[in-house]
N, C-alpha and C. Protein backbone atom coordinates (compact mmCIF):
# COMPACT_ATOMS: atom_id res chain seq x y z
N MET A 1 187.66 -9.01 18.27
CA MET A 1 187.30 -10.40 18.07
C MET A 1 186.05 -10.48 17.19
N THR A 2 186.02 -11.46 16.29
CA THR A 2 184.89 -11.61 15.39
C THR A 2 183.71 -12.24 16.12
N LYS A 3 182.53 -11.83 15.70
CA LYS A 3 181.31 -12.40 16.26
C LYS A 3 181.20 -13.85 15.83
N LYS A 4 180.89 -14.72 16.78
CA LYS A 4 180.78 -16.14 16.47
C LYS A 4 179.55 -16.40 15.61
N SER A 5 179.75 -17.15 14.56
CA SER A 5 178.68 -17.50 13.63
C SER A 5 178.40 -18.99 13.76
N ALA A 6 177.20 -19.37 13.39
CA ALA A 6 176.85 -20.79 13.41
C ALA A 6 177.56 -21.50 12.26
N LEU A 7 177.87 -22.74 12.48
CA LEU A 7 178.44 -23.55 11.40
C LEU A 7 177.37 -23.77 10.33
N PRO A 8 177.77 -23.87 9.07
CA PRO A 8 176.79 -24.18 8.03
C PRO A 8 176.17 -25.56 8.28
N VAL A 9 174.97 -25.76 7.78
CA VAL A 9 174.28 -27.04 7.97
C VAL A 9 174.53 -27.92 6.76
N PRO A 10 175.26 -29.03 6.94
CA PRO A 10 175.54 -29.93 5.82
C PRO A 10 174.27 -30.61 5.32
N ALA A 11 174.30 -31.01 4.06
CA ALA A 11 173.17 -31.73 3.47
C ALA A 11 173.70 -33.01 2.84
N LEU A 12 173.04 -34.12 3.13
CA LEU A 12 173.39 -35.41 2.56
C LEU A 12 172.21 -35.84 1.69
N SER A 13 172.45 -36.09 0.42
CA SER A 13 171.35 -36.45 -0.47
C SER A 13 171.72 -37.62 -1.36
N ARG A 14 170.67 -38.31 -1.79
CA ARG A 14 170.82 -39.48 -2.66
C ARG A 14 170.36 -39.12 -4.06
N ALA A 15 171.19 -39.42 -5.03
CA ALA A 15 170.87 -39.13 -6.44
C ALA A 15 170.06 -40.26 -7.05
N ASP A 16 169.52 -40.01 -8.24
CA ASP A 16 168.74 -41.03 -8.95
C ASP A 16 169.56 -42.29 -9.26
N ASP A 17 170.88 -42.13 -9.38
CA ASP A 17 171.74 -43.28 -9.69
C ASP A 17 172.22 -44.00 -8.42
N ASP A 18 171.58 -43.69 -7.28
CA ASP A 18 171.90 -44.30 -5.98
C ASP A 18 173.26 -43.92 -5.42
N THR A 19 173.87 -42.86 -5.91
CA THR A 19 175.08 -42.35 -5.29
C THR A 19 174.71 -41.23 -4.32
N TRP A 20 175.63 -40.91 -3.43
CA TRP A 20 175.37 -39.94 -2.36
C TRP A 20 176.26 -38.70 -2.51
N THR A 21 175.68 -37.57 -2.14
CA THR A 21 176.39 -36.29 -2.17
C THR A 21 176.33 -35.67 -0.79
N LEU A 22 177.46 -35.15 -0.35
CA LEU A 22 177.51 -34.39 0.89
C LEU A 22 177.89 -32.97 0.52
N GLU A 23 177.07 -32.00 0.94
CA GLU A 23 177.36 -30.60 0.66
C GLU A 23 177.37 -29.81 1.95
N VAL A 24 178.39 -28.97 2.10
CA VAL A 24 178.45 -28.02 3.19
C VAL A 24 178.27 -26.66 2.52
N PRO A 25 177.07 -26.08 2.62
CA PRO A 25 176.76 -24.86 1.88
C PRO A 25 177.78 -23.74 2.10
N GLY A 26 178.24 -23.20 0.99
CA GLY A 26 179.20 -22.11 1.04
C GLY A 26 180.61 -22.53 1.35
N VAL A 27 180.85 -23.84 1.52
CA VAL A 27 182.19 -24.30 1.88
C VAL A 27 182.71 -25.33 0.88
N THR A 28 182.02 -26.46 0.72
CA THR A 28 182.51 -27.53 -0.16
C THR A 28 181.44 -28.57 -0.39
N ALA A 29 181.69 -29.47 -1.33
CA ALA A 29 180.78 -30.59 -1.60
C ALA A 29 181.59 -31.76 -2.14
N THR A 30 181.05 -32.96 -1.95
CA THR A 30 181.66 -34.16 -2.52
C THR A 30 180.52 -35.05 -3.02
N THR A 31 180.66 -35.55 -4.25
CA THR A 31 179.55 -36.27 -4.89
C THR A 31 179.96 -37.65 -5.41
N GLY A 32 178.94 -38.47 -5.68
CA GLY A 32 179.14 -39.74 -6.36
C GLY A 32 179.60 -40.88 -5.49
N HIS A 33 179.24 -40.88 -4.21
CA HIS A 33 179.71 -41.93 -3.30
C HIS A 33 178.68 -43.05 -3.19
N PRO A 34 179.14 -44.31 -3.07
CA PRO A 34 178.23 -45.45 -3.10
C PRO A 34 177.35 -45.61 -1.85
N SER A 35 177.69 -44.95 -0.76
CA SER A 35 176.89 -45.07 0.47
C SER A 35 177.00 -43.78 1.27
N PRO A 36 176.05 -43.55 2.19
CA PRO A 36 176.14 -42.34 3.02
C PRO A 36 177.39 -42.35 3.90
N GLU A 37 177.80 -43.53 4.36
CA GLU A 37 178.99 -43.62 5.21
C GLU A 37 180.24 -43.21 4.43
N TRP A 38 180.29 -43.62 3.17
CA TRP A 38 181.43 -43.26 2.32
C TRP A 38 181.44 -41.75 2.09
N ALA A 39 180.27 -41.18 1.84
CA ALA A 39 180.16 -39.73 1.63
C ALA A 39 180.61 -38.98 2.89
N MET A 40 180.25 -39.50 4.07
CA MET A 40 180.65 -38.86 5.33
C MET A 40 182.17 -38.90 5.49
N ALA A 41 182.76 -40.07 5.23
CA ALA A 41 184.21 -40.21 5.36
C ALA A 41 184.92 -39.26 4.40
N LYS A 42 184.47 -39.21 3.17
CA LYS A 42 185.07 -38.30 2.19
C LYS A 42 184.78 -36.85 2.58
N GLY A 43 183.63 -36.62 3.19
CA GLY A 43 183.27 -35.28 3.64
C GLY A 43 184.27 -34.68 4.60
N VAL A 44 184.77 -35.50 5.52
CA VAL A 44 185.78 -35.01 6.47
C VAL A 44 187.00 -34.52 5.71
N GLU A 45 187.42 -35.29 4.71
CA GLU A 45 188.59 -34.92 3.91
C GLU A 45 188.37 -33.62 3.13
N VAL A 46 187.20 -33.49 2.50
CA VAL A 46 186.96 -32.29 1.69
C VAL A 46 186.76 -31.05 2.56
N VAL A 47 186.19 -31.22 3.75
CA VAL A 47 186.06 -30.08 4.67
C VAL A 47 187.45 -29.64 5.12
N ARG A 48 188.32 -30.59 5.42
CA ARG A 48 189.69 -30.26 5.82
C ARG A 48 190.41 -29.50 4.70
N ARG A 49 190.26 -29.98 3.47
CA ARG A 49 190.89 -29.33 2.32
C ARG A 49 190.31 -27.93 2.11
N ALA A 50 188.99 -27.79 2.26
CA ALA A 50 188.35 -26.49 2.10
C ALA A 50 188.85 -25.51 3.16
N ALA A 51 189.06 -26.01 4.39
CA ALA A 51 189.56 -25.14 5.46
C ALA A 51 190.94 -24.60 5.11
N THR A 52 191.77 -25.44 4.50
CA THR A 52 193.10 -24.99 4.08
C THR A 52 192.99 -23.87 3.05
N ASP A 53 192.08 -24.03 2.10
CA ASP A 53 191.85 -22.99 1.09
C ASP A 53 191.33 -21.70 1.73
N ILE A 54 190.43 -21.84 2.71
CA ILE A 54 189.89 -20.67 3.41
C ILE A 54 191.01 -19.93 4.12
N VAL A 55 191.88 -20.66 4.79
CA VAL A 55 193.00 -20.03 5.50
C VAL A 55 193.91 -19.28 4.52
N ARG A 56 194.18 -19.87 3.38
CA ARG A 56 195.01 -19.20 2.37
C ARG A 56 194.37 -17.88 1.93
N ARG A 57 193.04 -17.92 1.68
CA ARG A 57 192.34 -16.69 1.29
C ARG A 57 192.38 -15.67 2.41
N TRP A 58 192.16 -16.14 3.64
CA TRP A 58 192.15 -15.28 4.82
C TRP A 58 193.49 -14.58 4.97
N ILE A 59 194.59 -15.34 4.84
CA ILE A 59 195.94 -14.79 4.98
C ILE A 59 196.23 -13.77 3.88
N SER A 60 195.74 -14.02 2.67
CA SER A 60 196.02 -13.10 1.57
C SER A 60 195.09 -11.89 1.58
N GLY A 61 194.25 -11.78 2.61
CA GLY A 61 193.43 -10.59 2.77
C GLY A 61 192.11 -10.61 2.02
N LYS A 62 191.75 -11.76 1.45
CA LYS A 62 190.48 -11.86 0.75
C LYS A 62 189.35 -12.11 1.76
N PRO A 63 188.13 -11.71 1.42
CA PRO A 63 187.03 -11.87 2.38
C PRO A 63 186.74 -13.33 2.72
N VAL A 64 186.47 -13.56 3.98
CA VAL A 64 186.11 -14.88 4.49
C VAL A 64 184.87 -14.69 5.35
N THR A 65 183.85 -15.49 5.11
CA THR A 65 182.60 -15.35 5.86
C THR A 65 182.78 -15.84 7.30
N PRO A 66 181.94 -15.36 8.21
CA PRO A 66 181.99 -15.87 9.58
C PRO A 66 181.79 -17.39 9.65
N ALA A 67 180.91 -17.94 8.81
CA ALA A 67 180.70 -19.40 8.81
C ALA A 67 181.98 -20.12 8.37
N GLU A 68 182.68 -19.58 7.36
CA GLU A 68 183.94 -20.19 6.93
C GLU A 68 184.96 -20.14 8.06
N GLN A 69 184.98 -19.04 8.80
CA GLN A 69 185.89 -18.94 9.93
C GLN A 69 185.59 -20.02 10.97
N GLN A 70 184.31 -20.28 11.22
CA GLN A 70 183.94 -21.32 12.18
C GLN A 70 184.36 -22.70 11.70
N VAL A 71 184.27 -22.95 10.39
CA VAL A 71 184.71 -24.24 9.83
C VAL A 71 186.21 -24.40 10.06
N VAL A 72 186.98 -23.34 9.82
CA VAL A 72 188.43 -23.41 10.05
C VAL A 72 188.72 -23.73 11.51
N LEU A 73 188.03 -23.05 12.42
CA LEU A 73 188.26 -23.31 13.85
C LEU A 73 187.89 -24.74 14.22
N LEU A 74 186.81 -25.26 13.64
CA LEU A 74 186.41 -26.65 13.90
C LEU A 74 187.47 -27.62 13.41
N VAL A 75 188.00 -27.38 12.21
CA VAL A 75 189.01 -28.28 11.63
C VAL A 75 190.27 -28.31 12.49
N THR A 76 190.60 -27.19 13.12
CA THR A 76 191.79 -27.18 13.98
C THR A 76 191.62 -28.11 15.19
N ARG A 77 190.40 -28.47 15.51
CA ARG A 77 190.15 -29.39 16.64
C ARG A 77 190.31 -30.84 16.25
N GLY A 78 190.42 -31.12 14.93
CA GLY A 78 190.69 -32.49 14.50
C GLY A 78 189.56 -33.13 13.72
N ASP A 79 189.91 -34.20 13.01
CA ASP A 79 188.96 -34.91 12.16
C ASP A 79 187.78 -35.48 12.94
N ALA A 80 188.01 -35.92 14.17
CA ALA A 80 186.93 -36.49 14.97
C ALA A 80 185.85 -35.44 15.23
N GLN A 81 186.26 -34.20 15.46
CA GLN A 81 185.29 -33.13 15.68
C GLN A 81 184.51 -32.81 14.41
N VAL A 82 185.19 -32.83 13.27
CA VAL A 82 184.52 -32.58 11.99
C VAL A 82 183.50 -33.68 11.73
N TYR A 83 183.89 -34.93 11.94
CA TYR A 83 182.97 -36.05 11.73
C TYR A 83 181.77 -35.93 12.66
N ALA A 84 182.01 -35.60 13.93
CA ALA A 84 180.92 -35.46 14.89
C ALA A 84 179.94 -34.37 14.46
N TRP A 85 180.47 -33.25 13.94
CA TRP A 85 179.62 -32.16 13.46
C TRP A 85 178.76 -32.62 12.28
N LEU A 86 179.38 -33.30 11.32
CA LEU A 86 178.63 -33.79 10.16
C LEU A 86 177.56 -34.79 10.60
N GLU A 87 177.96 -35.73 11.44
CA GLU A 87 177.05 -36.78 11.90
C GLU A 87 175.88 -36.19 12.69
N ALA A 88 176.15 -35.21 13.54
CA ALA A 88 175.10 -34.58 14.33
C ALA A 88 174.09 -33.87 13.44
N SER A 89 174.55 -33.27 12.36
CA SER A 89 173.64 -32.59 11.43
C SER A 89 172.65 -33.58 10.83
N PHE A 90 173.10 -34.77 10.51
CA PHE A 90 172.23 -35.75 9.89
C PHE A 90 171.36 -36.47 10.91
N ALA A 91 171.82 -36.57 12.14
CA ALA A 91 171.00 -37.17 13.18
C ALA A 91 169.80 -36.27 13.48
N GLU A 92 170.02 -34.94 13.39
CA GLU A 92 168.94 -33.99 13.65
C GLU A 92 167.95 -33.91 12.48
N ASP A 93 168.46 -34.09 11.25
CA ASP A 93 167.63 -33.96 10.06
C ASP A 93 168.02 -35.02 9.03
N PRO A 94 167.59 -36.26 9.23
CA PRO A 94 168.03 -37.37 8.38
C PRO A 94 167.28 -37.48 7.05
N LYS A 95 166.95 -36.36 6.41
CA LYS A 95 166.14 -36.41 5.18
C LYS A 95 166.79 -37.14 4.04
N GLY A 96 168.13 -37.20 4.03
CA GLY A 96 168.81 -37.84 2.91
C GLY A 96 168.86 -39.34 3.01
N ARG A 97 168.67 -39.88 4.20
CA ARG A 97 168.85 -41.33 4.39
C ARG A 97 167.62 -42.12 4.09
């Protein structure tokens, strides 16, 4: 069994043009959203898509980091869990808002 790794810490930031970017380091990012809520909603979608890509790499025998493995496991629990993880990260460190 693989050693459990911590999930990456997402970052939500505001650009000079007042659009928002959500980045999950080492996993995925989504940019150019009109509000933090929109970036969060889109973030769930891009994390889900990234997890699919990670699984494809994993199946084909390519290296997958422990953090990527944790993201895949989180996504299998559903979109509500992904949203809760993203939201909790920003509640703990709301520097982007």
